[in-house]
Every structure is written in C-alpha cells, then in structure tokens.
Amino acid sequence: SVIRQGDLTLAVSSGGCTPAFTKRIRRELQNIFGPHYAAFITLMGRIRPLVLDLGKETSHNTALFRQLVASPILDELEAGDMERVKEILTRTLPQELVPRIPELIDDLI
C-alpha cells in the first residue's frame, strides 16, 4: 500500500503475508500524514534552492534546514495559521530571503 501527500510517498508492505493489515496501517497513516505534510514538503522544496543559491557553507545550510524541520511550521500548516508560518520563516530564514516569504507560502493550503 502506498500513501501520497504531494511529493511525500510512504510505502507499507507485509511481504504479502497480510494485505488486510497493510491496508489498515495505510488508513492509519493517512490520518497522521495529512495534506499539511504535502504543504510542508512543497514549502521546503521552494526554500531549498533559494538557500543553496546564497552560496553559504554546507554546514550553515544543513543547520538551517534542520531548524526549519524542527520548527512548529508543520503544526501551523495543519492549523491553517499562515500568519504564524510567516513569523517563523521571518525569524528563521536568512534576511536575504525574508522578502520572498509571500511567494514561498502562496497557495500552500
């Protein structure tokens, strides 16, 4: 069984031993990994090339991406609170990217 939320793909398999149980797991995972996961991955997909284009060291970029992933952005997307997402991005992204936040979050939810 496969679950897709945008570019996120999760696969569940029991190796053919119990397809019914695999379907049950898929249903449970669909409840956990809702559309806000697709929105988060879309957002990160928009942010990543912009950050890389700044030409900073890999360690800096890695720290930034980890900070974004650890932030409450995913929860705020689930709640539909785009103002809070803007606030988090404003505090977290390099200053050069702050003016681009409106286009980054456009049509996420």
PDB file of N, CA and C in Angstrom:
ATOM      1  N   SER A   1       0.842  -1.186   0.000  1.00  0.00           N
ATOM      2  CA  SER A   1       0.000   0.000   0.000  1.00  0.00           C
ATOM      3  C   SER A   1       0.878   1.236   0.000  1.00  0.00           C
ATOM      4  N   VAL A   2       0.466   2.243  -0.733  1.00  0.00           N
ATOM      5  CA  VAL A   2       1.227   3.476  -0.866  1.00  0.00           C
ATOM      6  C   VAL A   2       0.359   4.653  -0.443  1.00  0.00           C
ATOM      7  N   ILE A   3       0.963   5.566   0.296  1.00  0.00           N
ATOM      8  CA  ILE A   3       0.308   6.799   0.722  1.00  0.00           C
ATOM      9  C   ILE A   3       1.068   7.943   0.073  1.00  0.00           C
ATOM     10  N   ARG A   4       0.356   8.849  -0.554  1.00  0.00           N
ATOM     11  CA  ARG A   4       0.996  10.007  -1.183  1.00  0.00           C
ATOM     12  C   ARG A   4       0.352  11.283  -0.660  1.00  0.00           C
ATOM     13  N   GLN A   5       1.208  12.193  -0.247  1.00  0.00           N
ATOM     14  CA  GLN A   5       0.803  13.544   0.109  1.00  0.00           C
ATOM     15  C   GLN A   5       1.767  14.462  -0.631  1.00  0.00           C
ATOM     16  N   GLY A   6       1.341  14.925  -1.788  1.00  0.00           N
ATOM     17  CA  GLY A   6       2.245  15.731  -2.608  1.00  0.00           C
ATOM     18  C   GLY A   6       3.446  14.898  -2.999  1.00  0.00           C
ATOM     19  N   ASP A   7       4.633  15.434  -2.720  1.00  0.00           N
ATOM     20  CA  ASP A   7       5.869  14.734  -3.057  1.00  0.00           C
ATOM     21  C   ASP A   7       6.293  13.715  -2.003  1.00  0.00           C
ATOM     22  N   LEU A   8       5.558  13.640  -0.905  1.00  0.00           N
ATOM     23  CA  LEU A   8       5.853  12.645   0.120  1.00  0.00           C
ATOM     24  C   LEU A   8       5.181  11.331  -0.251  1.00  0.00           C
ATOM     25  N   THR A   9       5.966  10.269  -0.284  1.00  0.00           N
ATOM     26  CA  THR A   9       5.433   8.940  -0.571  1.00  0.00           C
ATOM     27  C   THR A   9       5.867   7.991   0.532  1.00  0.00           C
ATOM     28  N   LEU A  10       4.887   7.307   1.117  1.00  0.00           N
ATOM     29  CA  LEU A  10       5.149   6.302   2.145  1.00  0.00           C
ATOM     30  C   LEU A  10       4.634   4.968   1.627  1.00  0.00           C
ATOM     31  N   ALA A  11       5.419   3.933   1.800  1.00  0.00           N
ATOM     32  CA  ALA A  11       5.000   2.610   1.360  1.00  0.00           C
ATOM     33  C   ALA A  11       4.947   1.674   2.558  1.00  0.00           C
ATOM     34  N   VAL A  12       3.918   0.852   2.582  1.00  0.00           N
ATOM     35  CA  VAL A  12       3.730  -0.129   3.648  1.00  0.00           C
ATOM     36  C   VAL A  12       3.573  -1.491   2.984  1.00  0.00           C
ATOM     37  N   SER A  13       4.328  -2.463   3.486  1.00  0.00           N
ATOM     38  CA  SER A  13       4.247  -3.803   2.929  1.00  0.00           C
ATOM     39  C   SER A  13       4.351  -4.832   4.041  1.00  0.00           C
ATOM     40  N   SER A  14       3.614  -5.887   3.899  1.00  0.00           N
ATOM     41  CA  SER A  14       3.738  -7.021   4.816  1.00  0.00           C
ATOM     42  C   SER A  14       4.374  -8.206   4.090  1.00  0.00           C
ATOM     43  N   GLY A  15       4.948  -7.941   2.926  1.00  0.00           N
ATOM     44  CA  GLY A  15       5.559  -9.011   2.151  1.00  0.00           C
ATOM     45  C   GLY A  15       4.543 -10.018   1.648  1.00  0.00           C
ATOM     46  N   GLY A  16       3.292  -9.571   1.547  1.00  0.00           N
ATOM     47  CA  GLY A  16       2.226 -10.448   1.061  1.00  0.00           C
ATOM     48  C   GLY A  16       1.610 -11.319   2.143  1.00  0.00           C
ATOM     49  N   CYS A  17       2.098 -11.197   3.370  1.00  0.00           N
ATOM     50  CA  CYS A  17       1.578 -12.050   4.454  1.00  0.00           C
ATOM     51  C   CYS A  17       0.182 -11.660   4.909  1.00  0.00           C
ATOM     52  N   THR A  18      -0.113 -10.365   4.904  1.00  0.00           N
ATOM     53  CA  THR A  18      -1.419  -9.938   5.387  1.00  0.00           C
ATOM     54  C   THR A  18      -1.829  -8.614   4.753  1.00  0.00           C
ATOM     55  N   PRO A  19      -2.328  -8.649   3.517  1.00  0.00           N
ATOM     56  CA  PRO A  19      -2.757  -7.432   2.840  1.00  0.00           C
ATOM     57  C   PRO A  19      -3.818  -6.647   3.618  1.00  0.00           C
ATOM     58  N   ALA A  20      -4.687  -7.330   4.331  1.00  0.00           N
ATOM     59  CA  ALA A  20      -5.722  -6.633   5.099  1.00  0.00           C
ATOM     60  C   ALA A  20      -5.096  -5.748   6.171  1.00  0.00           C
ATOM     61  N   PHE A  21      -4.061  -6.271   6.837  1.00  0.00           N
ATOM     62  CA  PHE A  21      -3.397  -5.489   7.875  1.00  0.00           C
ATOM     63  C   PHE A  21      -2.636  -4.312   7.263  1.00  0.00           C
ATOM     64  N   THR A  22      -2.031  -4.539   6.108  1.00  0.00           N
ATOM     65  CA  THR A  22      -1.330  -3.472   5.409  1.00  0.00           C
ATOM     66  C   THR A  22      -2.293  -2.335   5.075  1.00  0.00           C
ATOM     67  N   LYS A  23      -3.490  -2.673   4.618  1.00  0.00           N
ATOM     68  CA  LYS A  23      -4.496  -1.642   4.314  1.00  0.00           C
ATOM     69  C   LYS A  23      -4.892  -0.884   5.570  1.00  0.00           C
ATOM     70  N   ARG A  24      -5.001  -1.603   6.683  1.00  0.00           N
ATOM     71  CA  ARG A  24      -5.338  -0.934   7.948  1.00  0.00           C
ATOM     72  C   ARG A  24      -4.253   0.068   8.332  1.00  0.00           C
ATOM     73  N   ILE A  25      -3.005  -0.344   8.213  1.00  0.00           N
ATOM     74  CA  ILE A  25      -1.887   0.554   8.525  1.00  0.00           C
ATOM     75  C   ILE A  25      -1.910   1.767   7.606  1.00  0.00           C
ATOM     76  N   ARG A  26      -2.177   1.539   6.325  1.00  0.00           N
ATOM     77  CA  ARG A  26      -2.249   2.646   5.368  1.00  0.00           C
ATOM     78  C   ARG A  26      -3.305   3.659   5.790  1.00  0.00           C
ATOM     79  N   ARG A  27      -4.483   3.187   6.185  1.00  0.00           N
ATOM     80  CA  ARG A  27      -5.553   4.093   6.628  1.00  0.00           C
ATOM     81  C   ARG A  27      -5.121   4.896   7.850  1.00  0.00           C
ATOM     82  N   GLU A  28      -4.465   4.228   8.787  1.00  0.00           N
ATOM     83  CA  GLU A  28      -3.997   4.914   9.988  1.00  0.00           C
ATOM     84  C   GLU A  28      -2.946   5.967   9.646  1.00  0.00           C
ATOM     85  N   LEU A  29      -2.033   5.625   8.764  1.00  0.00           N
ATOM     86  CA  LEU A  29      -1.001   6.578   8.367  1.00  0.00           C
ATOM     87  C   LEU A  29      -1.584   7.765   7.606  1.00  0.00           C
ATOM     88  N   GLN A  30      -2.620   7.533   6.810  1.00  0.00           N
ATOM     89  CA  GLN A  30      -3.258   8.638   6.093  1.00  0.00           C
ATOM     90  C   GLN A  30      -3.834   9.655   7.055  1.00  0.00           C
ATOM     91  N   ASN A  31      -4.306   9.200   8.206  1.00  0.00           N
ATOM     92  CA  ASN A  31      -4.826  10.119   9.210  1.00  0.00           C
ATOM     93  C   ASN A  31      -3.720  10.936   9.857  1.00  0.00           C
ATOM     94  N   ILE A  32      -2.542  10.352   9.970  1.00  0.00           N
ATOM     95  CA  ILE A  32      -1.404  11.050  10.579  1.00  0.00           C
ATOM     96  C   ILE A  32      -0.742  11.983   9.572  1.00  0.00           C
ATOM     97  N   PHE A  33      -0.454  11.459   8.398  1.00  0.00           N
ATOM     98  CA  PHE A  33       0.265  12.213   7.369  1.00  0.00           C
ATOM     99  C   PHE A  33      -0.732  12.857   6.416  1.00  0.00           C
ATOM    100  N   GLY A  34      -1.369  13.915   6.885  1.00  0.00           N
ATOM    101  CA  GLY A  34      -2.401  14.586   6.109  1.00  0.00           C
ATOM    102  C   GLY A  34      -1.829  15.584   5.115  1.00  0.00           C
ATOM    103  N   PRO A  35      -2.693  16.388   4.526  1.00  0.00           N
ATOM    104  CA  PRO A  35      -2.290  17.354   3.499  1.00  0.00           C
ATOM    105  C   PRO A  35      -1.269  18.381   3.976  1.00  0.00           C
ATOM    106  N   HIS A  36      -1.198  18.615   5.283  1.00  0.00           N
ATOM    107  CA  HIS A  36      -0.211  19.574   5.795  1.00  0.00           C
ATOM    108  C   HIS A  36       1.217  19.075   5.557  1.00  0.00           C
ATOM    109  N   TYR A  37       1.398  17.765   5.457  1.00  0.00           N
ATOM    110  CA  TYR A  37       2.719  17.236   5.121  1.00  0.00           C
ATOM    111  C   TYR A  37       3.088  17.598   3.683  1.00  0.00           C
ATOM    112  N   ALA A  38       2.136  17.503   2.787  1.00  0.00           N
ATOM    113  CA  ALA A  38       2.389  17.894   1.388  1.00  0.00           C
ATOM    114  C   ALA A  38       2.736  19.374   1.321  1.00  0.00           C
ATOM    115  N   ALA A  39       2.020  20.194   2.094  1.00  0.00           N
ATOM    116  CA  ALA A  39       2.285  21.636   2.104  1.00  0.00           C
ATOM    117  C   ALA A  39       3.689  21.917   2.636  1.00  0.00           C
ATOM    118  N   PHE A  40       4.076  21.209   3.689  1.00  0.00           N
ATOM    119  CA  PHE A  40       5.407  21.418   4.259  1.00  0.00           C
ATOM    120  C   PHE A  40       6.493  21.035   3.259  1.00  0.00           C
ATOM    121  N   ILE A  41       6.323  19.917   2.597  1.00  0.00           N
ATOM    122  CA  ILE A  41       7.327  19.484   1.625  1.00  0.00           C
ATOM    123  C   ILE A  41       7.387  20.459   0.440  1.00  0.00           C
ATOM    124  N   THR A  42       6.253  20.956   0.009  1.00  0.00           N
ATOM    125  CA  THR A  42       6.239  21.965  -1.051  1.00  0.00           C
ATOM    126  C   THR A  42       7.004  23.204  -0.604  1.00  0.00           C
ATOM    127  N   LEU A  43       6.735  23.653   0.624  1.00  0.00           N
ATOM    128  CA  LEU A  43       7.431  24.820   1.161  1.00  0.00           C
ATOM    129  C   LEU A  43       8.942  24.588   1.193  1.00  0.00           C
ATOM    130  N   MET A  44       9.351  23.453   1.716  1.00  0.00           N
ATOM    131  CA  MET A  44      10.785  23.167   1.776  1.00  0.00           C
ATOM    132  C   MET A  44      11.392  23.071   0.373  1.00  0.00           C
ATOM    133  N   GLY A  45      10.627  22.541  -0.563  1.00  0.00           N
ATOM    134  CA  GLY A  45      11.096  22.467  -1.943  1.00  0.00           C
ATOM    135  C   GLY A  45      11.269  23.841  -2.577  1.00  0.00           C
ATOM    136  N   ARG A  46      10.517  24.809  -2.106  1.00  0.00           N
ATOM    137  CA  ARG A  46      10.660  26.186  -2.592  1.00  0.00           C
ATOM    138  C   ARG A  46      11.835  26.884  -1.913  1.00  0.00           C
ATOM    139  N   ILE A  47      12.007  26.599  -0.635  1.00  0.00           N
ATOM    140  CA  ILE A  47      13.060  27.259   0.143  1.00  0.00           C
ATOM    141  C   ILE A  47      14.443  26.754  -0.236  1.00  0.00           C
ATOM    142  N   ARG A  48      14.576  25.464  -0.409  1.00  0.00           N
ATOM    143  CA  ARG A  48      15.895  24.838  -0.577  1.00  0.00           C
ATOM    144  C   ARG A  48      16.744  25.452  -1.688  1.00  0.00           C
ATOM    145  N   PRO A  49      16.227  25.588  -2.909  1.00  0.00           N
ATOM    146  CA  PRO A  49      17.101  26.156  -3.946  1.00  0.00           C
ATOM    147  C   PRO A  49      17.483  27.608  -3.663  1.00  0.00           C
ATOM    148  N   LEU A  50      16.598  28.356  -3.027  1.00  0.00           N
ATOM    149  CA  LEU A  50      16.925  29.747  -2.697  1.00  0.00           C
ATOM    150  C   LEU A  50      18.056  29.815  -1.679  1.00  0.00           C
ATOM    151  N   VAL A  51      17.997  28.939  -0.690  1.00  0.00           N
ATOM    152  CA  VAL A  51      19.054  28.895   0.316  1.00  0.00           C
ATOM    153  C   VAL A  51      20.369  28.462  -0.332  1.00  0.00           C
ATOM    154  N   LEU A  52      20.322  27.442  -1.150  1.00  0.00           N
ATOM    155  CA  LEU A  52      21.547  26.961  -1.802  1.00  0.00           C
ATOM    156  C   LEU A  52      22.154  28.026  -2.707  1.00  0.00           C
ATOM    157  N   ASP A  53      21.302  28.815  -3.360  1.00  0.00           N
ATOM    158  CA  ASP A  53      21.788  29.878  -4.246  1.00  0.00           C
ATOM    159  C   ASP A  53      22.509  30.998  -3.500  1.00  0.00           C
ATOM    160  N   LEU A  54      22.324  31.072  -2.182  1.00  0.00           N
ATOM    161  CA  LEU A  54      23.025  32.093  -1.398  1.00  0.00           C
ATOM    162  C   LEU A  54      24.516  31.784  -1.279  1.00  0.00           C
ATOM    163  N   GLY A  55      24.882  30.529  -1.567  1.00  0.00           N
ATOM    164  CA  GLY A  55      26.293  30.158  -1.595  1.00  0.00           C
ATOM    165  C   GLY A  55      26.956  30.020  -0.240  1.00  0.00           C
ATOM    166  N   LYS A  56      26.182  29.800   0.789  1.00  0.00           N
ATOM    167  CA  LYS A  56      26.771  29.633   2.121  1.00  0.00           C
ATOM    168  C   LYS A  56      27.307  28.211   2.275  1.00  0.00           C
ATOM    169  N   GLU A  57      28.087  28.010   3.314  1.00  0.00           N
ATOM    170  CA  GLU A  57      28.689  26.692   3.545  1.00  0.00           C
ATOM    171  C   GLU A  57      27.623  25.636   3.810  1.00  0.00           C
ATOM    172  N   THR A  58      27.944  24.409   3.446  1.00  0.00           N
ATOM    173  CA  THR A  58      27.028  23.291   3.633  1.00  0.00           C
ATOM    174  C   THR A  58      26.588  23.170   5.082  1.00  0.00           C
ATOM    175  N   SER A  59      27.506  23.358   6.013  1.00  0.00           N
ATOM    176  CA  SER A  59      27.157  23.238   7.437  1.00  0.00           C
ATOM    177  C   SER A  59      26.111  24.277   7.836  1.00  0.00           C
ATOM    178  N   HIS A  60      26.208  25.463   7.290  1.00  0.00           N
ATOM    179  CA  HIS A  60      25.216  26.511   7.566  1.00  0.00           C
ATOM    180  C   HIS A  60      23.854  26.100   7.013  1.00  0.00           C
ATOM    181  N   ASN A  61      23.847  25.632   5.770  1.00  0.00           N
ATOM    182  CA  ASN A  61      22.587  25.215   5.138  1.00  0.00           C
ATOM    183  C   ASN A  61      21.948  24.049   5.878  1.00  0.00           C
ATOM    184  N   THR A  62      22.772  23.077   6.251  1.00  0.00           N
ATOM    185  CA  THR A  62      22.258  21.916   6.982  1.00  0.00           C
ATOM    186  C   THR A  62      21.615  22.348   8.289  1.00  0.00           C
ATOM    187  N   ALA A  63      22.275  23.244   9.005  1.00  0.00           N
ATOM    188  CA  ALA A  63      21.725  23.734  10.278  1.00  0.00           C
ATOM    189  C   ALA A  63      20.399  24.457  10.048  1.00  0.00           C
ATOM    190  N   LEU A  64      20.319  25.247   9.001  1.00  0.00           N
ATOM    191  CA  LEU A  64      19.084  25.972   8.691  1.00  0.00           C
ATOM    192  C   LEU A  64      17.954  25.007   8.355  1.00  0.00           C
ATOM    193  N   PHE A  65      18.224  24.027   7.504  1.00  0.00           N
ATOM    194  CA  PHE A  65      17.185  23.069   7.121  1.00  0.00           C
ATOM    195  C   PHE A  65      16.716  22.265   8.337  1.00  0.00           C
ATOM    196  N   ARG A  66      17.635  21.895   9.195  1.00  0.00           N
ATOM    197  CA  ARG A  66      17.247  21.164  10.414  1.00  0.00           C
ATOM    198  C   ARG A  66      16.409  22.037  11.337  1.00  0.00           C
ATOM    199  N   GLN A  67      16.749  23.315  11.409  1.00  0.00           N
ATOM    200  CA  GLN A  67      15.974  24.238  12.235  1.00  0.00           C
ATOM    201  C   GLN A  67      14.552  24.371  11.695  1.00  0.00           C
ATOM    202  N   LEU A  68      14.404  24.461  10.386  1.00  0.00           N
ATOM    203  CA  LEU A  68      13.069  24.552   9.782  1.00  0.00           C
ATOM    204  C   LEU A  68      12.260  23.286  10.042  1.00  0.00           C
ATOM    205  N   VAL A  69      12.900  22.132   9.890  1.00  0.00           N
ATOM    206  CA  VAL A  69      12.203  20.865  10.107  1.00  0.00           C
ATOM    207  C   VAL A  69      11.789  20.708  11.572  1.00  0.00           C
ATOM    208  N   ALA A  70      12.607  21.209  12.485  1.00  0.00           N
ATOM    209  CA  ALA A  70      12.298  21.100  13.917  1.00  0.00           C
ATOM    210  C   ALA A  70      11.318  22.173  14.392  1.00  0.00           C
ATOM    211  N   SER A  71      11.078  23.171  13.568  1.00  0.00           N
ATOM    212  CA  SER A  71      10.190  24.277  13.958  1.00  0.00           C
ATOM    213  C   SER A  71       8.732  23.818  13.966  1.00  0.00           C
ATOM    214  N   PRO A  72       7.847  24.653  14.511  1.00  0.00           N
ATOM    215  CA  PRO A  72       6.421  24.299  14.516  1.00  0.00           C
ATOM    216  C   PRO A  72       5.688  24.594  13.196  1.00  0.00           C
ATOM    217  N   ILE A  73       6.420  24.796  12.118  1.00  0.00           N
ATOM    218  CA  ILE A  73       5.768  25.115  10.840  1.00  0.00           C
ATOM    219  C   ILE A  73       4.754  24.040  10.457  1.00  0.00           C
ATOM    220  N   LEU A  74       5.112  22.791  10.585  1.00  0.00           N
ATOM    221  CA  LEU A  74       4.198  21.708  10.208  1.00  0.00           C
ATOM    222  C   LEU A  74       2.888  21.802  10.991  1.00  0.00           C
ATOM    223  N   ASP A  75       2.986  22.047  12.291  1.00  0.00           N
ATOM    224  CA  ASP A  75       1.780  22.186  13.116  1.00  0.00           C
ATOM    225  C   ASP A  75       0.949  23.390  12.689  1.00  0.00           C
ATOM    226  N   GLU A  76       1.622  24.486  12.368  1.00  0.00           N
ATOM    227  CA  GLU A  76       0.900  25.693  11.950  1.00  0.00           C
ATOM    228  C   GLU A  76       0.227  25.486  10.590  1.00  0.00           C
ATOM    229  N   LEU A  77       0.860  24.726   9.718  1.00  0.00           N
ATOM    230  CA  LEU A  77       0.216  24.402   8.439  1.00  0.00           C
ATOM    231  C   LEU A  77      -1.023  23.552   8.677  1.00  0.00           C
ATOM    232  N   GLU A  78      -0.920  22.606   9.591  1.00  0.00           N
ATOM    233  CA  GLU A  78      -2.077  21.767   9.901  1.00  0.00           C
ATOM    234  C   GLU A  78      -3.220  22.614  10.452  1.00  0.00           C
ATOM    235  N   ALA A  79      -2.875  23.611  11.264  1.00  0.00           N
ATOM    236  CA  ALA A  79      -3.884  24.502  11.849  1.00  0.00           C
ATOM    237  C   ALA A  79      -4.360  25.558  10.858  1.00  0.00           C
ATOM    238  N   GLY A  80      -3.664  25.694   9.732  1.00  0.00           N
ATOM    239  CA  GLY A  80      -4.033  26.698   8.735  1.00  0.00           C
ATOM    240  C   GLY A  80      -3.633  28.108   9.128  1.00  0.00           C
ATOM    241  N   ASP A  81      -2.682  28.240  10.056  1.00  0.00           N
ATOM    242  CA  ASP A  81      -2.266  29.561  10.553  1.00  0.00           C
ATOM    243  C   ASP A  81      -1.068  30.074   9.753  1.00  0.00           C
ATOM    244  N   MET A  82      -1.351  30.666   8.613  1.00  0.00           N
ATOM    245  CA  MET A  82      -0.286  31.138   7.733  1.00  0.00           C
ATOM    246  C   MET A  82       0.445  32.350   8.306  1.00  0.00           C
ATOM    247  N   GLU A  83      -0.220  33.124   9.147  1.00  0.00           N
ATOM    248  CA  GLU A  83       0.470  34.255   9.785  1.00  0.00           C
ATOM    249  C   GLU A  83       1.590  33.735  10.686  1.00  0.00           C
ATOM    250  N   ARG A  84       1.307  32.685  11.390  1.00  0.00           N
ATOM    251  CA  ARG A  84       2.326  32.088  12.265  1.00  0.00           C
ATOM    252  C   ARG A  84       3.450  31.480  11.428  1.00  0.00           C
ATOM    253  N   VAL A  85       3.113  30.858  10.301  1.00  0.00           N
ATOM    254  CA  VAL A  85       4.148  30.335   9.401  1.00  0.00           C
ATOM    255  C   VAL A  85       5.051  31.474   8.940  1.00  0.00           C
ATOM    256  N   LYS A  86       4.451  32.607   8.567  1.00  0.00           N
ATOM    257  CA  LYS A  86       5.247  33.781   8.149  1.00  0.00           C
ATOM    258  C   LYS A  86       6.185  34.227   9.258  1.00  0.00           C
ATOM    259  N   GLU A  87       5.677  34.272  10.491  1.00  0.00           N
ATOM    260  CA  GLU A  87       6.506  34.693  11.624  1.00  0.00           C
ATOM    261  C   GLU A  87       7.707  33.769  11.812  1.00  0.00           C
ATOM    262  N   ILE A  88       7.461  32.479  11.749  1.00  0.00           N
ATOM    263  CA  ILE A  88       8.544  31.506  11.931  1.00  0.00           C
ATOM    264  C   ILE A  88       9.574  31.644  10.821  1.00  0.00           C
ATOM    265  N   LEU A  89       9.109  31.778   9.591  1.00  0.00           N
ATOM    266  CA  LEU A  89      10.034  31.930   8.468  1.00  0.00           C
ATOM    267  C   LEU A  89      10.823  33.223   8.583  1.00  0.00           C
ATOM    268  N   THR A  90      10.181  34.287   9.019  1.00  0.00           N
ATOM    269  CA  THR A  90      10.855  35.574   9.165  1.00  0.00           C
ATOM    270  C   THR A  90      11.987  35.474  10.183  1.00  0.00           C
ATOM    271  N   ARG A  91      11.751  34.753  11.264  1.00  0.00           N
ATOM    272  CA  ARG A  91      12.778  34.580  12.302  1.00  0.00           C
ATOM    273  C   ARG A  91      13.883  33.615  11.874  1.00  0.00           C
ATOM    274  N   THR A  92      13.567  32.679  10.999  1.00  0.00           N
ATOM    275  CA  THR A  92      14.487  31.581  10.716  1.00  0.00           C
ATOM    276  C   THR A  92      15.293  31.764   9.434  1.00  0.00           C
ATOM    277  N   LEU A  93      14.666  32.250   8.396  1.00  0.00           N
ATOM    278  CA  LEU A  93      15.351  32.356   7.098  1.00  0.00           C
ATOM    279  C   LEU A  93      16.403  33.462   7.113  1.00  0.00           C
ATOM    280  N   PRO A  94      17.424  33.325   6.280  1.00  0.00           N
ATOM    281  CA  PRO A  94      18.384  34.422   6.121  1.00  0.00           C
ATOM    282  C   PRO A  94      17.660  35.690   5.661  1.00  0.00           C
ATOM    283  N   GLN A  95      18.123  36.820   6.125  1.00  0.00           N
ATOM    284  CA  GLN A  95      17.466  38.105   5.817  1.00  0.00           C
ATOM    285  C   GLN A  95      17.244  38.313   4.326  1.00  0.00           C
ATOM    286  N   GLU A  96      18.144  37.811   3.494  1.00  0.00           N
ATOM    287  CA  GLU A  96      18.004  37.989   2.052  1.00  0.00           C
ATOM    288  C   GLU A  96      16.733  37.329   1.516  1.00  0.00           C
ATOM    289  N   LEU A  97      16.238  36.330   2.212  1.00  0.00           N
ATOM    290  CA  LEU A  97      15.073  35.589   1.726  1.00  0.00           C
ATOM    291  C   LEU A  97      13.753  36.054   2.339  1.00  0.00           C
ATOM    292  N   VAL A  98      13.800  36.864   3.368  1.00  0.00           N
ATOM    293  CA  VAL A  98      12.573  37.313   4.023  1.00  0.00           C
ATOM    294  C   VAL A  98      11.606  37.994   3.047  1.00  0.00           C
ATOM    295  N   PRO A  99      12.076  38.843   2.122  1.00  0.00           N
ATOM    296  CA  PRO A  99      11.129  39.452   1.177  1.00  0.00           C
ATOM    297  C   PRO A  99      10.430  38.437   0.269  1.00  0.00           C
ATOM    298  N   ARG A 100      10.957  37.232   0.183  1.00  0.00           N
ATOM    299  CA  ARG A 100      10.380  36.212  -0.697  1.00  0.00           C
ATOM    300  C   ARG A 100       9.336  35.338   0.008  1.00  0.00           C
ATOM    301  N   ILE A 101       9.118  35.557   1.297  1.00  0.00           N
ATOM    302  CA  ILE A 101       8.193  34.720   2.060  1.00  0.00           C
ATOM    303  C   ILE A 101       6.794  34.673   1.437  1.00  0.00           C
ATOM    304  N   PRO A 102       6.219  35.796   0.999  1.00  0.00           N
ATOM    305  CA  PRO A 102       4.875  35.697   0.410  1.00  0.00           C
ATOM    306  C   PRO A 102       4.789  34.707  -0.751  1.00  0.00           C
ATOM    307  N   GLU A 103       5.792  34.685  -1.620  1.00  0.00           N
ATOM    308  CA  GLU A 103       5.750  33.733  -2.738  1.00  0.00           C
ATOM    309  C   GLU A 103       6.024  32.308  -2.269  1.00  0.00           C
ATOM    310  N   LEU A 104       6.804  32.155  -1.196  1.00  0.00           N
ATOM    311  CA  LEU A 104       7.088  30.824  -0.666  1.00  0.00           C
ATOM    312  C   LEU A 104       5.854  30.147  -0.099  1.00  0.00           C
ATOM    313  N   ILE A 105       4.984  30.945   0.519  1.00  0.00           N
ATOM    314  CA  ILE A 105       3.809  30.357   1.171  1.00  0.00           C
ATOM    315  C   ILE A 105       2.548  30.459   0.329  1.00  0.00           C
ATOM    316  N   ASP A 106       2.653  31.096  -0.820  1.00  0.00           N
ATOM    317  CA  ASP A 106       1.482  31.255  -1.685  1.00  0.00           C
ATOM    318  C   ASP A 106       0.894  29.902  -2.040  1.00  0.00           C
ATOM    319  N   ASP A 107      -0.386  29.772  -1.887  1.00  0.00           N
ATOM    320  CA  ASP A 107      -1.206  28.606  -2.247  1.00  0.00           C
ATOM    321  C   ASP A 107      -0.791  27.282  -1.598  1.00  0.00           C
ATOM    322  N   LEU A 108      -0.169  27.353  -0.407  1.00  0.00           N
ATOM    323  CA  LEU A 108       0.202  26.110   0.276  1.00  0.00           C
ATOM    324  C   LEU A 108      -1.010  25.368   0.805  1.00  0.00           C
ATOM    325  N   ILE A 109      -1.961  26.107   1.364  1.00  0.00           N
ATOM    326  CA  ILE A 109      -3.164  25.469   1.905  1.00  0.00           C
ATOM    327  C   ILE A 109      -4.401  26.187   1.427  1.00  0.00           C
TER     328      ILE A 109
END
